[in-house]
Amino acid sequence: MLHRLRFIPGRLVQSIPVAFGVTLIVFLLAHLLPGNAAVALLGERATAESVAALTAQLGLDEPLWRQYLTFLGQLAHGNLGTSLTYQTPVAQLVLQAIPVTLSLLLYALLIALLISIPLAALAAFRPGGVRDLGVRGFTLLGQGMPQFWVGIMLILLLGVGMRAFPVGGYGEDAAGHVYYLFLPALTLAIAMSPTIIRSLRSSMISVLGSEYVGTAKSKGSYGVQLFRGHVLRNAAIPTVSIVGVNLGYLVGGSLVIERVFALPGLGSLMINSIFTRDFPTIQGVTLFVALFVVVVGILTDVVYTALDPRVDLGRTARA
């Protein structure tokens, strides 16, 4: 198994130019935002002299290329700069927000799998039947609903109407985190489930028609034993890549959902920084998100390799 993971160092090396490109794009986009960071910090009634003084103090009056080189120099030493709004190291702000966002993403992935696997199985065992049509209708409906709208509807239904779950906050302990994160995680899971269901359904139909499943049936394997031992494992192989890609895209959706549910994660930090033109924080959050997507891609390949012994990505990379 270990020799098949030799591709990981190469993927990490490949992520370096990706991270460099991300820093350049984010830096330029952040500085294209309308408005002045000094004015956002001092307020609209600030005098021209105070705005000019703060602009010079923050180094925002220097050419963009010099500001970018300064940013790269700080980044090379592990320094993401200091937040203009919070007057706190950006790295500290990001590290405080990361557990919230990661907890939300993993929670959403767990709920999405709990929704997707049973529904995909219901549809695959009777393709073209009533259950299959119902599941396919659910996937079409789920893909057509905007995430923020789903979140608001869940707040109104389960939060305000039934008062079953809190509509904001993160909780104080592990049990509180699970309770408070349920609605935002369910919102993301509803957005993620349709793609997983469609992929699993298609793979399960193919696996159920294979010779080895027919052989397993002839040996007396049915029901849960057949599904768990022969169908799910083989059907999950092509779905792993889709889950990895969608988990990367889910990061962007979580930024908005965190704002809807008032979660103190990277999303709220990013949006607050955009409103206040806090360039260092915007760059720090975006850089972490880009690196997270790279890591998810590597982990996806690791899981894919573990599920399918025939795959050797290390040998493929050398070829």
Protein backbone atom coordinates (compact mmCIF):
# COMPACT_ATOMS: atom_id res chain seq x y z
CA MET A 1 0.00 0.00 0.00
CA LEU A 2 2.73 2.46 0.97
CA HIS A 3 4.58 2.11 -2.35
CA ARG A 4 1.38 3.17 -4.16
CA LEU A 5 1.39 6.49 -2.27
CA ARG A 6 4.65 7.68 -3.83
CA PHE A 7 2.71 10.24 -5.84
CA ILE A 8 2.07 12.42 -2.75
CA PRO A 9 5.45 14.27 -2.68
CA GLY A 10 5.08 15.04 -6.39
CA ARG A 11 1.58 16.42 -5.86
CA LEU A 12 2.85 18.61 -3.03
CA VAL A 13 5.58 20.01 -5.29
CA GLN A 14 3.00 20.67 -8.01
CA SER A 15 0.91 22.63 -5.52
CA ILE A 16 3.66 25.25 -5.08
CA PRO A 17 3.10 27.03 -8.43
CA VAL A 18 -0.65 26.70 -7.86
CA ALA A 19 -0.32 28.50 -4.52
CA PHE A 20 1.90 31.14 -6.13
CA GLY A 21 -0.67 31.75 -8.87
CA VAL A 22 -3.43 31.99 -6.30
CA THR A 23 -1.53 34.60 -4.29
CA LEU A 24 -1.05 36.73 -7.43
CA ILE A 25 -4.67 36.50 -8.56
CA VAL A 26 -6.05 37.14 -5.08
CA PHE A 27 -3.70 40.07 -4.53
CA LEU A 28 -4.79 41.73 -7.77
CA LEU A 29 -8.49 41.05 -7.23
CA ALA A 30 -8.36 42.32 -3.65
CA HIS A 31 -6.82 45.60 -4.81
CA LEU A 32 -9.42 45.96 -7.56
CA LEU A 33 -12.18 46.19 -4.96
CA PRO A 34 -13.76 49.65 -5.02
CA GLY A 35 -13.15 51.95 -2.09
CA ASN A 36 -10.25 52.82 0.16
CA ALA A 37 -9.20 50.67 3.10
CA ALA A 38 -8.18 53.76 5.07
CA VAL A 39 -11.61 55.33 4.57
CA ALA A 40 -13.28 52.05 5.59
CA LEU A 41 -11.26 52.04 8.81
CA LEU A 42 -11.61 55.73 9.68
CA GLY A 43 -15.15 56.29 8.46
CA GLU A 44 -16.65 58.50 5.80
CA ARG A 45 -16.19 61.66 7.92
CA ALA A 46 -12.43 61.27 8.16
CA THR A 47 -10.35 64.19 6.93
CA ALA A 48 -8.21 63.92 3.82
CA GLU A 49 -5.07 64.36 5.93
CA SER A 50 -5.91 61.47 8.26
CA VAL A 51 -6.82 59.23 5.33
CA ALA A 52 -3.53 60.03 3.59
CA ALA A 53 -1.56 59.42 6.79
CA LEU A 54 -3.19 56.03 7.41
CA THR A 55 -2.77 55.06 3.74
CA ALA A 56 0.96 55.75 4.00
CA GLN A 57 1.18 53.93 7.34
CA LEU A 58 -0.42 50.84 5.85
CA GLY A 59 1.82 50.98 2.79
CA LEU A 60 -1.16 51.27 0.44
CA ASP A 61 0.38 54.27 -1.34
CA GLU A 62 3.21 52.15 -2.72
CA PRO A 63 3.09 50.61 -6.24
CA LEU A 64 1.21 47.32 -6.48
CA TRP A 65 4.31 45.38 -7.50
CA ARG A 66 6.13 46.53 -4.38
CA GLN A 67 3.18 45.67 -2.17
CA TYR A 68 3.05 42.23 -3.76
CA LEU A 69 6.76 41.62 -3.21
CA THR A 70 6.33 42.67 0.41
CA PHE A 71 3.47 40.18 0.74
CA LEU A 72 5.57 37.37 -0.79
CA GLY A 73 8.48 38.19 1.49
CA GLN A 74 6.26 37.97 4.55
CA LEU A 75 4.67 34.76 3.24
CA ALA A 76 8.09 33.14 2.78
CA HIS A 77 8.66 33.62 6.52
CA GLY A 78 5.23 32.20 7.41
CA ASN A 79 3.80 35.66 8.02
CA LEU A 80 0.44 36.45 6.39
CA GLY A 81 0.58 40.04 7.60
CA THR A 82 -1.56 41.93 10.07
CA SER A 83 -5.28 42.45 9.69
CA LEU A 84 -6.13 46.08 8.96
CA THR A 85 -9.47 45.74 10.75
CA TYR A 86 -8.66 43.60 13.78
CA GLN A 87 -5.02 44.68 14.20
CA THR A 88 -4.21 41.01 14.78
CA PRO A 89 -1.91 38.69 12.81
CA VAL A 90 -3.88 37.20 9.92
CA ALA A 91 -2.48 33.74 10.66
CA GLN A 92 -4.00 33.89 14.13
CA LEU A 93 -7.41 34.90 12.76
CA VAL A 94 -7.34 32.12 10.15
CA LEU A 95 -6.28 29.47 12.68
CA GLN A 96 -9.15 30.50 14.98
CA ALA A 97 -11.68 30.22 12.14
CA ILE A 98 -10.40 26.98 10.55
CA PRO A 99 -11.93 24.54 13.11
CA VAL A 100 -15.40 26.00 12.53
CA THR A 101 -15.21 25.70 8.76
CA LEU A 102 -13.63 22.23 8.76
CA SER A 103 -16.20 20.97 11.28
CA LEU A 104 -19.00 22.31 9.08
CA LEU A 105 -17.58 20.71 5.92
CA LEU A 106 -16.99 17.28 7.50
CA TYR A 107 -20.42 17.36 9.15
CA ALA A 108 -22.02 18.26 5.81
CA LEU A 109 -20.13 15.45 4.06
CA LEU A 110 -21.30 12.92 6.67
CA ILE A 111 -24.95 13.99 6.31
CA ALA A 112 -24.64 14.00 2.51
CA LEU A 113 -23.38 10.39 2.56
CA LEU A 114 -26.12 9.32 4.98
CA ILE A 115 -28.67 10.81 2.56
CA SER A 116 -27.05 9.71 -0.69
CA ILE A 117 -26.18 6.04 -0.08
CA PRO A 118 -29.71 4.82 0.87
CA LEU A 119 -31.41 6.90 -1.85
CA ALA A 120 -28.95 5.75 -4.52
CA ALA A 121 -29.52 2.13 -3.45
CA LEU A 122 -33.32 2.56 -3.59
CA ALA A 123 -33.05 3.92 -7.11
CA ALA A 124 -30.45 1.43 -8.38
CA PHE A 125 -32.19 -1.78 -7.27
CA ARG A 126 -35.33 -0.89 -9.26
CA PRO A 127 -34.18 1.39 -12.15
CA GLY A 128 -37.12 2.99 -13.91
CA GLY A 129 -39.48 2.25 -11.03
CA VAL A 130 -41.45 4.59 -8.83
CA ARG A 131 -38.66 4.87 -6.22
CA ASP A 132 -36.11 5.56 -8.93
CA LEU A 133 -38.24 8.34 -10.41
CA GLY A 134 -38.78 9.82 -6.95
CA VAL A 135 -35.05 9.84 -6.18
CA ARG A 136 -34.23 11.39 -9.55
CA GLY A 137 -36.85 14.05 -8.93
CA PHE A 138 -35.20 14.82 -5.58
CA THR A 139 -31.81 15.25 -7.28
CA LEU A 140 -33.24 17.67 -9.84
CA LEU A 141 -34.96 19.65 -7.10
CA GLY A 142 -31.84 19.72 -4.93
CA GLN A 143 -29.62 20.96 -7.74
CA GLY A 144 -32.06 23.71 -8.68
CA MET A 145 -32.30 25.34 -5.24
CA PRO A 146 -29.73 28.00 -4.25
CA GLN A 147 -27.85 27.13 -1.06
CA PHE A 148 -28.63 30.38 0.74
CA TRP A 149 -32.36 29.95 -0.01
CA VAL A 150 -32.30 26.40 1.35
CA GLY A 151 -30.59 27.71 4.48
CA ILE A 152 -33.19 30.42 4.99
CA MET A 153 -36.05 27.92 4.48
CA LEU A 154 -34.53 25.54 7.04
CA ILE A 155 -34.19 28.43 9.50
CA LEU A 156 -37.84 29.37 9.04
CA LEU A 157 -39.08 25.76 9.22
CA LEU A 158 -36.87 23.99 11.75
CA GLY A 159 -35.48 26.98 13.62
CA VAL A 160 -38.20 29.61 13.91
CA GLY A 161 -41.28 27.46 13.21
CA MET A 162 -40.54 24.23 15.09
CA ARG A 163 -37.77 25.65 17.32
CA ALA A 164 -35.93 22.36 16.97
CA PHE A 165 -32.52 23.83 16.19
CA PRO A 166 -30.74 27.15 16.80
CA VAL A 167 -30.58 29.53 13.86
CA GLY A 168 -27.09 30.87 14.57
CA GLY A 169 -23.95 30.45 16.62
CA TYR A 170 -21.42 27.68 17.13
CA GLY A 171 -22.05 26.30 20.62
CA GLU A 172 -19.72 25.99 23.60
CA ASP A 173 -18.65 22.32 23.60
CA ALA A 174 -18.53 19.31 21.26
CA ALA A 175 -22.20 18.46 21.79
CA GLY A 176 -23.11 22.10 21.29
CA HIS A 177 -21.11 22.24 18.04
CA VAL A 178 -22.99 19.20 16.67
CA TYR A 179 -26.33 20.77 17.66
CA TYR A 180 -25.63 24.27 16.36
CA LEU A 181 -24.01 23.11 13.12
CA PHE A 182 -26.82 20.77 12.10
CA LEU A 183 -28.84 23.25 10.04
CA PRO A 184 -25.89 24.76 8.12
CA ALA A 185 -24.44 21.27 7.56
CA LEU A 186 -27.81 20.01 6.32
CA THR A 187 -27.99 22.99 3.96
CA LEU A 188 -24.65 22.10 2.40
CA ALA A 189 -25.51 18.39 2.37
CA ILE A 190 -28.71 19.04 0.39
CA ALA A 191 -26.64 20.90 -2.19
CA MET A 192 -24.01 18.13 -2.35
CA SER A 193 -26.26 15.04 -2.27
CA PRO A 194 -27.75 15.18 -5.80
CA THR A 195 -24.38 14.80 -7.50
CA ILE A 196 -23.35 11.92 -5.21
CA ILE A 197 -26.71 10.17 -5.66
CA ARG A 198 -26.55 10.33 -9.45
CA SER A 199 -23.00 8.99 -9.52
CA LEU A 200 -23.69 6.20 -7.01
CA ARG A 201 -26.94 5.21 -8.74
CA SER A 202 -25.22 4.86 -12.09
CA SER A 203 -22.31 2.91 -10.60
CA MET A 204 -24.60 0.63 -8.58
CA ILE A 205 -26.69 -0.24 -11.64
CA SER A 206 -23.50 -1.17 -13.47
CA VAL A 207 -22.17 -3.23 -10.56
CA LEU A 208 -25.48 -5.05 -10.02
CA GLY A 209 -25.33 -6.22 -13.62
CA SER A 210 -21.77 -7.53 -13.34
CA GLU A 211 -20.75 -11.19 -13.34
CA TYR A 212 -19.21 -11.21 -9.88
CA VAL A 213 -22.44 -9.97 -8.31
CA GLY A 214 -24.29 -12.75 -10.13
CA THR A 215 -21.76 -15.23 -8.76
CA ALA A 216 -22.22 -13.84 -5.23
CA LYS A 217 -25.99 -14.27 -5.56
CA SER A 218 -25.56 -17.85 -6.71
CA LYS A 219 -23.56 -18.51 -3.53
CA GLY A 220 -26.40 -17.24 -1.36
CA SER A 221 -25.35 -13.61 -0.81
CA TYR A 222 -28.38 -11.32 -0.66
CA GLY A 223 -29.64 -8.16 0.99
CA VAL A 224 -27.33 -6.19 3.25
CA GLN A 225 -24.51 -8.72 2.88
CA LEU A 226 -24.53 -8.43 -0.90
CA PHE A 227 -24.89 -4.65 -0.83
CA ARG A 228 -22.10 -4.02 1.66
CA GLY A 229 -19.66 -6.67 0.50
CA HIS A 230 -19.95 -6.46 -3.27
CA VAL A 231 -22.04 -3.52 -4.48
CA LEU A 232 -21.19 -0.50 -2.34
CA ARG A 233 -17.40 -0.89 -2.29
CA ASN A 234 -17.12 -1.29 -6.07
CA ALA A 235 -19.72 1.38 -6.85
CA ALA A 236 -17.98 3.86 -4.55
CA ILE A 237 -14.73 3.85 -6.54
CA PRO A 238 -15.79 6.28 -9.32
CA THR A 239 -17.85 8.31 -6.83
CA VAL A 240 -14.82 9.10 -4.65
CA SER A 241 -13.42 11.48 -7.25
CA ILE A 242 -16.76 13.25 -7.57
CA VAL A 243 -17.02 13.62 -3.79
CA GLY A 244 -13.50 15.11 -3.67
CA VAL A 245 -14.25 17.64 -6.40
CA ASN A 246 -17.56 18.63 -4.82
CA LEU A 247 -15.98 18.96 -1.39
CA GLY A 248 -13.57 21.47 -2.89
CA TYR A 249 -16.44 23.43 -4.43
CA LEU A 250 -18.35 23.12 -1.17
CA VAL A 251 -15.79 25.38 0.50
CA GLY A 252 -17.05 28.31 -1.57
CA GLY A 253 -20.64 27.53 -0.63
CA SER A 254 -19.75 27.25 3.04
CA LEU A 255 -18.47 30.84 3.03
CA VAL A 256 -21.98 32.12 2.27
CA ILE A 257 -23.74 29.63 4.55
CA GLU A 258 -21.53 30.64 7.47
CA ARG A 259 -22.75 34.19 7.00
CA VAL A 260 -26.40 33.08 6.90
CA PHE A 261 -26.03 31.14 10.16
CA ALA A 262 -23.66 33.61 11.86
CA LEU A 263 -20.84 31.09 12.25
CA PRO A 264 -17.40 32.43 13.27
CA GLY A 265 -15.61 30.60 10.46
CA LEU A 266 -13.59 31.53 7.41
CA GLY A 267 -16.72 32.63 5.55
CA SER A 268 -17.67 35.32 8.04
CA LEU A 269 -14.04 36.38 8.28
CA MET A 270 -13.79 36.68 4.49
CA ILE A 271 -17.02 38.64 4.04
CA ASN A 272 -16.23 41.03 6.89
CA SER A 273 -12.79 41.59 5.38
CA ILE A 274 -14.26 42.35 1.96
CA PHE A 275 -16.60 44.95 3.45
CA THR A 276 -13.71 46.68 5.24
CA ARG A 277 -11.17 46.28 2.38
CA ASP A 278 -8.93 44.25 4.69
CA PHE A 279 -6.52 43.06 1.99
CA PRO A 280 -4.18 40.93 4.17
CA THR A 281 -7.07 38.95 5.65
CA ILE A 282 -8.71 38.42 2.25
CA GLN A 283 -5.42 37.09 0.90
CA GLY A 284 -4.82 34.85 3.92
CA VAL A 285 -8.28 33.25 3.83
CA THR A 286 -8.20 32.70 0.08
CA LEU A 287 -4.73 31.18 0.24
CA PHE A 288 -5.89 28.69 2.87
CA VAL A 289 -8.97 27.78 0.81
CA ALA A 290 -6.77 27.13 -2.24
CA LEU A 291 -4.41 24.93 -0.24
CA PHE A 292 -7.39 23.10 1.25
CA VAL A 293 -8.63 22.24 -2.25
CA VAL A 294 -5.16 20.89 -3.13
CA VAL A 295 -5.07 18.74 0.03
CA VAL A 296 -8.58 17.42 -0.66
CA GLY A 297 -7.43 16.40 -4.13
CA ILE A 298 -4.49 14.47 -2.68
CA LEU A 299 -6.67 12.78 -0.04
CA THR A 300 -9.16 11.84 -2.75
CA ASP A 301 -6.40 10.07 -4.67
CA VAL A 302 -5.32 8.28 -1.48
CA VAL A 303 -8.86 6.97 -0.84
CA TYR A 304 -9.22 6.02 -4.51
CA THR A 305 -5.97 4.06 -4.31
CA ALA A 306 -7.09 2.30 -1.11
CA LEU A 307 -10.44 1.25 -2.60
CA ASP A 308 -9.01 0.01 -5.90
CA PRO A 309 -5.80 -2.07 -5.55
CA ARG A 310 -5.32 -1.93 -9.33
CA VAL A 311 -4.61 1.81 -9.22
CA ASP A 312 -0.99 2.94 -8.81
CA LEU A 313 -0.87 6.71 -9.24
CA GLY A 314 2.83 6.76 -8.45
CA ARG A 315 3.54 4.60 -11.49
CA THR A 316 1.10 6.65 -13.59
CA ALA A 317 2.87 9.90 -12.64
CA ARG A 318 6.26 8.48 -13.69
CA ALA A 319 4.81 7.26 -16.98
